[in-house]
Amino acid sequence: MEKRVSDIFRLMRPFNKNERRTIRELSKFLDKKEMGDVKYLLKLRKVYIEIKQITIVNFSYPVIKALDKESKEAKKIAEYYNNKINETISRELFSEFSKKSEKIKEYIAPNIEGFGDIKEASMLLLFSEKMHILLLGDPGTGKTEILRYVDKLAPISSFGLGSGTSGVGLSINVQGKEVTKGLLPLANNGVCCIDELNLMKKQDMASLYNAMEKGFVTYDKGKTHIRMDAKIKVLATANPRGDKFEGKKKEKIREQLPFDPALLTRFHIVFFIRKPDIEKFMKITRKIVRDEKINIKEEDIHFIKKYIEYAKSIDVGLEPEFEAKIIEFVEEIKKDENSFIVDITPRIVKGIINIAKANARLHLRNKTSREDIEKAINILKHSLYNVY
């Protein structure tokens, strides 16, 4: 960096106590010459160093920020060195964090009591290949909150209402020459979070099927033909017919399903959720009274997103030794099919494999283990046999 004579007096000033502290932190990441560049800009008060804290890994790191917004040089150097620091942090922290990456589950709807399996499945959705999950049940049970947090944590995502009343439809909207992406193409290569899917308009049904199965949506009207990629994973909520599930028998619950079987079977996992009983309701009440609200820091969300992006680059293989265990489980649940609210289809088998691979990615492994298979089977079991 070129040093000017006119800056000589400012360069003579000593660093204050806070600057000395942040310089020590920065020196862990930059070499002597790089530190010289930053110290020069610090002396001129063109940059400052801020210490950020990533709570989820109990780690602090320095960020160089430009004070002089007109100085392109300061901004360029800050950006270059911050990228270098981020690369170093990623290499060091991702490997260490993989040993406790299950903590991500705690960042999904942390203020909602319970729903451990649902939160775990939602977490694994973030690390999965194509997989779709439906949360079907009574209103006011926290389903939407789970969607909102998955939307926050996913590196690529969209969030909106199935009815489209939020201003964005599901597929493609064309007005004159203006083409607007709906929720499905907006989430291409990511997660599409759809709240109240039971209110979806009939004209959106074909687009949803296409996106879930084929990975694209189309618009065909008059002479206008548009196709957009929509390689998505769907996390959706829906309320039953009549708004609230009545009765406990499987036949009665099936009568209240808001979709036909064709749509329901598009999902790899369906969780059924009922209003909480007295014991659970009082537990929720005590939490509200104590005001145990958990706030999530932006630094943690940023770290989790970067971790997900890194983990998703891992190509996970299914070890042949576990194929027999999956077949055995499918045979077991197929015998019990008449007692389930949903049918057992090949998609459920694919769901087991995808969950197992996602759990391996969560821990930065490129091969599935027995633990991954058992995790997938347990999640599927709970979704089939339990009504929350």
Protein backbone atom coordinates (compact mmCIF):
# COMPACT_ATOMS: atom_id res chain seq x y z
CA MET A 1 0.00 0.00 0.00
CA GLU A 2 1.35 3.44 -0.94
CA LYS A 3 1.96 5.67 2.08
CA ARG A 4 1.68 9.44 1.63
CA VAL A 5 3.87 12.12 3.27
CA SER A 6 0.75 14.13 4.17
CA ASP A 7 -0.32 11.35 6.53
CA ILE A 8 2.89 11.43 8.60
CA PHE A 9 1.43 13.22 11.64
CA ARG A 10 -1.63 10.96 11.87
CA LEU A 11 0.67 7.96 11.59
CA MET A 12 2.52 9.10 14.72
CA ARG A 13 -0.53 8.75 16.99
CA PRO A 14 -0.45 5.74 19.36
CA PHE A 15 -3.14 3.06 19.22
CA ASN A 16 -5.69 3.23 22.01
CA LYS A 17 -6.47 0.29 24.33
CA ASN A 18 -9.40 -1.02 22.27
CA GLU A 19 -7.42 -0.83 19.02
CA ARG A 20 -4.53 -2.77 20.59
CA ARG A 21 -6.96 -5.48 21.69
CA THR A 22 -8.57 -5.83 18.27
CA ILE A 23 -5.16 -5.79 16.55
CA ARG A 24 -4.13 -8.78 18.69
CA GLU A 25 -7.24 -10.66 17.54
CA LEU A 26 -6.64 -9.75 13.90
CA SER A 27 -3.00 -10.88 14.01
CA LYS A 28 -4.23 -14.47 14.50
CA PHE A 29 -5.49 -14.42 10.91
CA LEU A 30 -3.18 -12.10 8.90
CA ASP A 31 0.57 -12.12 8.25
CA LYS A 32 2.99 -9.30 9.12
CA LYS A 33 2.69 -7.44 5.80
CA GLU A 34 -1.13 -7.67 5.81
CA MET A 35 -1.21 -6.41 9.40
CA GLY A 36 0.95 -3.46 8.29
CA ASP A 37 -1.68 -2.47 5.70
CA VAL A 38 -4.51 -2.62 8.25
CA LYS A 39 -2.53 -0.74 10.94
CA TYR A 40 -1.83 2.01 8.41
CA LEU A 41 -5.56 2.44 7.72
CA LEU A 42 -6.33 2.27 11.45
CA LYS A 43 -3.89 5.11 12.14
CA LEU A 44 -5.60 7.20 9.47
CA ARG A 45 -9.01 6.27 10.95
CA LYS A 46 -10.19 4.92 7.61
CA VAL A 47 -11.11 1.53 9.09
CA TYR A 48 -11.89 0.04 12.46
CA ILE A 49 -11.94 -3.55 13.73
CA GLU A 50 -15.09 -5.04 15.25
CA ILE A 51 -15.10 -8.32 17.16
CA LYS A 52 -18.03 -10.58 16.26
CA GLN A 53 -19.24 -13.47 18.40
CA ILE A 54 -20.66 -16.74 17.00
CA THR A 55 -22.58 -18.05 20.00
CA ILE A 56 -23.38 -21.46 18.55
CA VAL A 57 -19.67 -22.35 18.48
CA ASN A 58 -18.52 -20.00 21.26
CA PHE A 59 -16.05 -18.31 18.93
CA SER A 60 -15.10 -14.68 18.33
CA TYR A 61 -13.43 -13.24 15.23
CA PRO A 62 -12.44 -9.80 13.89
CA VAL A 63 -14.17 -7.95 11.06
CA ILE A 64 -12.51 -4.98 9.34
CA LYS A 65 -14.99 -2.20 8.57
CA ALA A 66 -14.41 0.93 6.48
CA LEU A 67 -15.00 4.22 8.30
CA ASP A 68 -14.30 6.39 5.30
CA LYS A 69 -17.10 5.48 2.90
CA GLU A 70 -15.46 7.52 0.16
CA SER A 71 -12.23 5.55 0.35
CA LYS A 72 -12.42 2.78 -2.27
CA GLU A 73 -8.97 1.60 -1.17
CA ALA A 74 -10.09 1.06 2.44
CA LYS A 75 -13.25 -0.76 1.36
CA LYS A 76 -11.33 -2.98 -1.07
CA ILE A 77 -8.71 -3.96 1.54
CA ALA A 78 -11.36 -4.59 4.20
CA GLU A 79 -13.34 -6.84 1.85
CA TYR A 80 -10.24 -8.77 0.73
CA TYR A 81 -8.98 -9.47 4.26
CA ASN A 82 -12.46 -10.23 5.63
CA ASN A 83 -12.85 -12.90 2.93
CA LYS A 84 -9.50 -14.37 3.93
CA ILE A 85 -10.56 -14.41 7.59
CA ASN A 86 -13.87 -16.09 6.71
CA GLU A 87 -12.09 -18.81 4.72
CA THR A 88 -9.77 -19.52 7.65
CA ILE A 89 -12.67 -19.59 10.10
CA SER A 90 -14.63 -21.96 7.86
CA ARG A 91 -11.77 -24.45 7.61
CA GLU A 92 -11.18 -24.44 11.36
CA LEU A 93 -14.72 -24.21 12.66
CA PHE A 94 -16.72 -26.44 10.31
CA SER A 95 -14.70 -29.51 11.20
CA GLU A 96 -15.01 -28.77 14.92
CA PHE A 97 -18.71 -27.88 14.69
CA SER A 98 -19.56 -31.14 12.86
CA LYS A 99 -19.14 -32.94 16.20
CA LYS A 100 -22.03 -30.97 17.71
CA SER A 101 -23.97 -29.88 14.62
CA GLU A 102 -27.19 -31.33 16.10
CA LYS A 103 -27.37 -27.97 17.93
CA ILE A 104 -28.88 -26.50 14.76
CA LYS A 105 -32.18 -28.11 15.80
CA GLU A 106 -32.25 -25.73 18.79
CA TYR A 107 -32.38 -22.82 16.33
CA ILE A 108 -35.66 -23.98 14.76
CA ALA A 109 -38.65 -22.38 16.51
CA PRO A 110 -36.74 -22.22 19.84
CA ASN A 111 -39.68 -20.56 21.58
CA ILE A 112 -42.07 -23.40 20.69
CA GLU A 113 -42.21 -26.17 23.30
CA GLY A 114 -41.67 -29.78 22.15
CA PHE A 115 -41.97 -31.12 18.57
CA GLY A 116 -38.47 -32.66 18.79
CA ASP A 117 -38.93 -35.04 15.85
CA ILE A 118 -40.53 -32.38 13.67
CA LYS A 119 -37.71 -29.92 14.38
CA GLU A 120 -35.14 -32.63 13.71
CA ALA A 121 -36.76 -33.57 10.39
CA SER A 122 -36.93 -29.87 9.44
CA MET A 123 -33.24 -29.48 10.28
CA LEU A 124 -32.32 -32.48 8.13
CA LEU A 125 -34.42 -31.10 5.27
CA LEU A 126 -31.87 -28.27 5.10
CA PHE A 127 -29.10 -30.84 4.44
CA SER A 128 -31.07 -33.18 2.20
CA GLU A 129 -31.39 -33.84 -1.49
CA LYS A 130 -34.93 -33.49 -2.81
CA MET A 131 -37.32 -34.09 0.07
CA HIS A 132 -40.76 -32.75 1.00
CA ILE A 133 -42.32 -32.50 4.47
CA LEU A 134 -45.90 -31.62 5.44
CA LEU A 135 -47.01 -30.44 8.88
CA LEU A 136 -50.74 -31.16 8.92
CA GLY A 137 -52.84 -30.28 11.92
CA ASP A 138 -54.77 -27.95 14.14
CA PRO A 139 -54.19 -24.18 13.92
CA GLY A 140 -52.34 -22.43 16.73
CA THR A 141 -49.91 -25.29 17.35
CA GLY A 142 -46.72 -23.56 16.14
CA LYS A 143 -46.51 -25.02 12.63
CA THR A 144 -45.96 -21.63 10.98
CA GLU A 145 -43.19 -20.75 13.43
CA ILE A 146 -41.22 -23.82 12.35
CA LEU A 147 -41.53 -22.70 8.71
CA ARG A 148 -40.35 -19.19 9.53
CA TYR A 149 -37.16 -20.42 11.19
CA VAL A 150 -36.34 -22.89 8.43
CA ASP A 151 -36.80 -19.98 5.99
CA LYS A 152 -34.31 -17.96 8.10
CA LEU A 153 -31.69 -20.72 8.22
CA ALA A 154 -31.85 -21.97 4.62
CA PRO A 155 -29.19 -20.43 2.34
CA ILE A 156 -31.84 -20.24 -0.43
CA SER A 157 -35.53 -20.09 0.46
CA SER A 158 -38.92 -18.51 -0.07
CA PHE A 159 -41.83 -18.14 2.34
CA GLY A 160 -45.46 -17.37 1.64
CA LEU A 161 -49.09 -18.42 1.85
CA GLY A 162 -50.54 -21.24 -0.24
CA SER A 163 -53.43 -18.94 -1.11
CA GLY A 164 -51.05 -16.45 -2.67
CA THR A 165 -52.63 -13.60 -0.72
CA SER A 166 -49.18 -12.50 0.47
CA GLY A 167 -48.74 -10.92 -2.97
CA VAL A 168 -46.61 -13.70 -4.51
CA GLY A 169 -48.22 -16.69 -6.18
CA LEU A 170 -46.71 -20.16 -6.35
CA SER A 171 -45.56 -20.29 -9.99
CA ILE A 172 -45.16 -17.44 -12.50
CA ASN A 173 -47.11 -14.22 -12.79
CA VAL A 174 -47.18 -12.28 -16.07
CA GLN A 175 -48.59 -8.76 -16.43
CA GLY A 176 -47.87 -7.23 -19.80
CA LYS A 177 -44.13 -7.58 -20.33
CA GLU A 178 -43.38 -7.94 -16.62
CA VAL A 179 -42.66 -11.50 -15.44
CA THR A 180 -42.61 -12.18 -11.69
CA LYS A 181 -41.30 -15.33 -10.06
CA GLY A 182 -43.61 -17.04 -7.59
CA LEU A 183 -42.61 -18.94 -4.43
CA LEU A 184 -41.56 -22.10 -6.31
CA PRO A 185 -38.99 -20.62 -8.76
CA LEU A 186 -37.81 -18.15 -6.09
CA ALA A 187 -36.67 -21.15 -4.01
CA ASN A 188 -34.82 -22.86 -6.86
CA ASN A 189 -32.05 -25.05 -5.37
CA GLY A 190 -33.42 -24.32 -1.90
CA VAL A 191 -36.41 -24.68 0.41
CA CYS A 192 -39.92 -23.46 -0.42
CA CYS A 193 -41.87 -22.82 2.79
CA ILE A 194 -45.61 -22.76 2.10
CA ASP A 195 -47.99 -21.87 4.90
CA GLU A 196 -51.64 -23.02 4.78
CA LEU A 197 -51.23 -25.18 1.69
CA ASN A 198 -54.86 -26.24 2.10
CA LEU A 199 -55.86 -22.79 0.75
CA MET A 200 -53.91 -23.33 -2.49
CA LYS A 201 -55.78 -22.34 -5.65
CA LYS A 202 -56.59 -25.14 -8.09
CA GLN A 203 -54.64 -23.47 -10.89
CA ASP A 204 -51.49 -23.71 -8.75
CA MET A 205 -51.83 -27.48 -8.22
CA ALA A 206 -50.15 -28.48 -11.50
CA SER A 207 -47.27 -26.07 -10.85
CA LEU A 208 -46.71 -27.52 -7.39
CA TYR A 209 -46.72 -31.08 -8.77
CA ASN A 210 -44.25 -30.11 -11.50
CA ALA A 211 -41.88 -28.42 -9.06
CA MET A 212 -42.01 -31.26 -6.52
CA GLU A 213 -41.52 -33.99 -9.11
CA LYS A 214 -39.74 -32.48 -12.12
CA GLY A 215 -38.05 -29.36 -10.78
CA PHE A 216 -39.59 -26.69 -13.00
CA VAL A 217 -42.73 -24.57 -13.50
CA THR A 218 -44.27 -23.24 -16.70
CA TYR A 219 -46.54 -20.46 -17.89
CA ASP A 220 -48.54 -21.03 -21.08
CA LYS A 221 -51.15 -18.51 -22.11
CA GLY A 222 -51.77 -17.18 -25.59
CA LYS A 223 -48.40 -16.75 -27.31
CA THR A 224 -46.49 -16.54 -24.03
CA HIS A 225 -44.57 -19.68 -23.06
CA ILE A 226 -42.21 -19.50 -20.07
CA ARG A 227 -40.34 -22.20 -18.22
CA MET A 228 -38.39 -21.62 -15.00
CA ASP A 229 -36.30 -23.97 -12.88
CA ALA A 230 -37.82 -24.78 -9.50
CA LYS A 231 -35.60 -27.52 -8.06
CA ILE A 232 -37.04 -27.31 -4.59
CA LYS A 233 -37.62 -28.99 -1.27
CA VAL A 234 -41.06 -28.19 0.15
CA LEU A 235 -41.81 -27.62 3.82
CA ALA A 236 -45.53 -26.91 4.10
CA THR A 237 -48.25 -26.56 6.70
CA ALA A 238 -51.94 -27.27 6.28
CA ASN A 239 -55.06 -27.19 8.44
CA PRO A 240 -57.70 -29.94 8.23
CA ARG A 241 -61.17 -29.48 6.77
CA GLY A 242 -63.31 -27.76 9.36
CA ASP A 243 -60.11 -26.07 10.62
CA LYS A 244 -59.57 -28.50 13.51
CA PHE A 245 -59.25 -32.29 13.68
CA GLU A 246 -62.22 -33.95 15.39
CA GLY A 247 -62.17 -37.47 16.81
CA LYS A 248 -59.32 -39.94 17.20
CA LYS A 249 -60.11 -42.78 14.83
CA LYS A 250 -58.07 -43.05 11.65
CA GLU A 251 -61.18 -43.13 9.44
CA LYS A 252 -62.53 -39.93 11.02
CA ILE A 253 -59.21 -38.13 10.61
CA ARG A 254 -58.93 -39.26 6.97
CA GLU A 255 -62.32 -37.69 6.24
CA GLN A 256 -60.92 -34.35 7.41
CA LEU A 257 -57.80 -34.37 5.21
CA PRO A 258 -57.75 -31.21 3.06
CA PHE A 259 -56.09 -32.87 0.04
CA ASP A 260 -56.70 -35.81 -2.20
CA PRO A 261 -54.25 -38.73 -1.88
CA ALA A 262 -52.39 -37.65 -5.04
CA LEU A 263 -51.00 -34.55 -3.30
CA LEU A 264 -50.54 -36.15 0.10
CA THR A 265 -48.36 -38.91 -1.35
CA ARG A 266 -46.04 -36.31 -2.93
CA PHE A 267 -44.62 -35.74 0.56
CA HIS A 268 -41.91 -38.01 1.92
CA ILE A 269 -42.94 -37.29 5.54
CA VAL A 270 -46.28 -36.13 6.95
CA PHE A 271 -46.57 -35.13 10.60
CA PHE A 272 -50.04 -34.93 12.19
CA ILE A 273 -50.43 -32.33 14.92
CA ARG A 274 -53.29 -31.92 17.41
CA LYS A 275 -54.00 -29.20 19.96
CA PRO A 276 -51.94 -29.84 23.14
CA ASP A 277 -53.43 -31.70 26.10
CA ILE A 278 -53.71 -30.04 29.54
CA GLU A 279 -50.23 -31.12 30.68
CA LYS A 280 -48.54 -29.85 27.53
CA PHE A 281 -50.65 -26.68 27.51
CA MET A 282 -49.60 -25.86 31.09
CA LYS A 283 -45.94 -26.42 30.18
CA ILE A 284 -46.32 -23.94 27.33
CA THR A 285 -48.14 -21.53 29.66
CA ARG A 286 -45.35 -21.64 32.26
CA LYS A 287 -42.80 -20.87 29.53
CA ILE A 288 -44.83 -17.85 28.38
CA VAL A 289 -45.28 -16.59 31.96
CA ARG A 290 -41.52 -16.83 32.58
CA ASP A 291 -41.00 -15.01 29.27
CA GLU A 292 -38.29 -17.48 28.25
CA LYS A 293 -37.89 -15.95 24.83
CA ILE A 294 -34.77 -17.09 23.00
CA ASN A 295 -33.16 -14.58 20.66
CA ILE A 296 -30.97 -15.80 17.82
CA LYS A 297 -28.02 -13.67 16.74
CA GLU A 298 -27.48 -12.82 13.08
CA GLU A 299 -23.88 -14.08 13.33
CA ASP A 300 -25.21 -17.54 14.29
CA ILE A 301 -27.68 -17.58 11.39
CA HIS A 302 -24.89 -16.54 8.99
CA PHE A 303 -22.61 -19.31 10.31
CA ILE A 304 -25.35 -21.97 10.02
CA LYS A 305 -26.11 -20.93 6.43
CA LYS A 306 -22.43 -21.18 5.50
CA TYR A 307 -22.19 -24.56 7.23
CA ILE A 308 -25.23 -25.87 5.31
CA GLU A 309 -23.75 -24.66 2.01
CA TYR A 310 -20.46 -26.39 2.78
CA ALA A 311 -22.14 -29.63 3.94
CA LYS A 312 -24.41 -29.80 0.87
CA SER A 313 -21.35 -30.03 -1.38
CA ILE A 314 -20.62 -33.47 0.11
CA ASP A 315 -21.77 -36.37 -2.05
CA VAL A 316 -22.99 -39.03 0.41
CA GLY A 317 -23.15 -42.69 -0.53
CA LEU A 318 -25.57 -45.26 0.91
CA GLU A 319 -23.56 -48.18 2.23
CA PRO A 320 -24.87 -51.52 0.78
CA GLU A 321 -24.76 -53.16 4.21
CA PHE A 322 -27.75 -51.04 5.33
CA GLU A 323 -30.05 -51.87 2.41
CA ALA A 324 -31.38 -54.96 4.21
CA LYS A 325 -32.28 -52.89 7.30
CA ILE A 326 -34.27 -50.41 5.19
CA ILE A 327 -36.09 -53.22 3.36
CA GLU A 328 -36.90 -54.89 6.71
CA PHE A 329 -38.35 -51.64 8.10
CA VAL A 330 -40.46 -50.99 4.98
CA GLU A 331 -41.82 -54.54 5.16
CA GLU A 332 -42.71 -53.94 8.82
CA ILE A 333 -44.61 -50.68 8.20
CA LYS A 334 -46.30 -52.05 5.07
CA LYS A 335 -47.95 -54.69 7.29
CA ASP A 336 -49.30 -51.91 9.52
CA GLU A 337 -50.42 -49.72 6.62
CA ASN A 338 -54.13 -50.02 7.45
CA SER A 339 -53.51 -48.34 10.80
CA PHE A 340 -51.81 -45.27 9.28
CA ILE A 341 -53.42 -42.05 8.07
CA VAL A 342 -51.16 -41.99 4.99
CA ASP A 343 -50.36 -44.74 2.50
CA ILE A 344 -46.94 -46.37 2.33
CA THR A 345 -45.45 -45.47 -1.07
CA PRO A 346 -42.00 -45.65 -2.68
CA ARG A 347 -41.56 -41.98 -1.72
CA ILE A 348 -41.47 -42.98 1.94
CA VAL A 349 -38.64 -45.39 1.12
CA LYS A 350 -36.83 -42.56 -0.72
CA GLY A 351 -37.49 -40.38 2.33
CA ILE A 352 -35.64 -42.84 4.59
CA ILE A 353 -32.60 -42.79 2.29
CA ASN A 354 -32.64 -38.98 1.97
CA ILE A 355 -32.91 -38.45 5.74
CA ALA A 356 -30.04 -40.88 6.37
CA LYS A 357 -27.84 -39.11 3.82
CA ALA A 358 -28.82 -35.71 5.24
CA ASN A 359 -27.80 -36.81 8.73
CA ALA A 360 -24.41 -37.89 7.34
CA ARG A 361 -23.99 -34.46 5.68
CA LEU A 362 -24.99 -32.76 8.94
CA HIS A 363 -21.88 -34.36 10.45
CA LEU A 364 -19.74 -33.80 7.30
CA ARG A 365 -19.50 -37.51 6.49
CA ASN A 366 -19.51 -38.87 2.93
CA LYS A 367 -20.81 -42.32 3.87
CA THR A 368 -23.96 -43.31 5.75
CA SER A 369 -23.55 -45.03 9.12
CA ARG A 370 -25.84 -47.22 11.20
CA GLU A 371 -26.63 -44.13 13.27
CA ASP A 372 -27.89 -42.32 10.13
CA ILE A 373 -30.19 -45.20 9.14
CA GLU A 374 -31.58 -45.53 12.67
CA LYS A 375 -32.19 -41.77 12.83
CA ALA A 376 -34.15 -41.88 9.57
CA ILE A 377 -36.19 -44.90 10.65
CA ASN A 378 -37.05 -43.33 14.02
CA ILE A 379 -38.26 -40.09 12.38
CA LEU A 380 -40.43 -42.05 9.92
CA LYS A 381 -41.81 -44.22 12.74
CA HIS A 382 -42.81 -41.20 14.78
CA SER A 383 -44.50 -39.53 11.80
CA LEU A 384 -46.51 -42.71 11.03
CA TYR A 385 -47.39 -44.04 14.47
CA ASN A 386 -47.73 -40.78 16.45
CA VAL A 387 -50.26 -37.99 16.25
CA TYR A 388 -48.76 -35.05 18.11
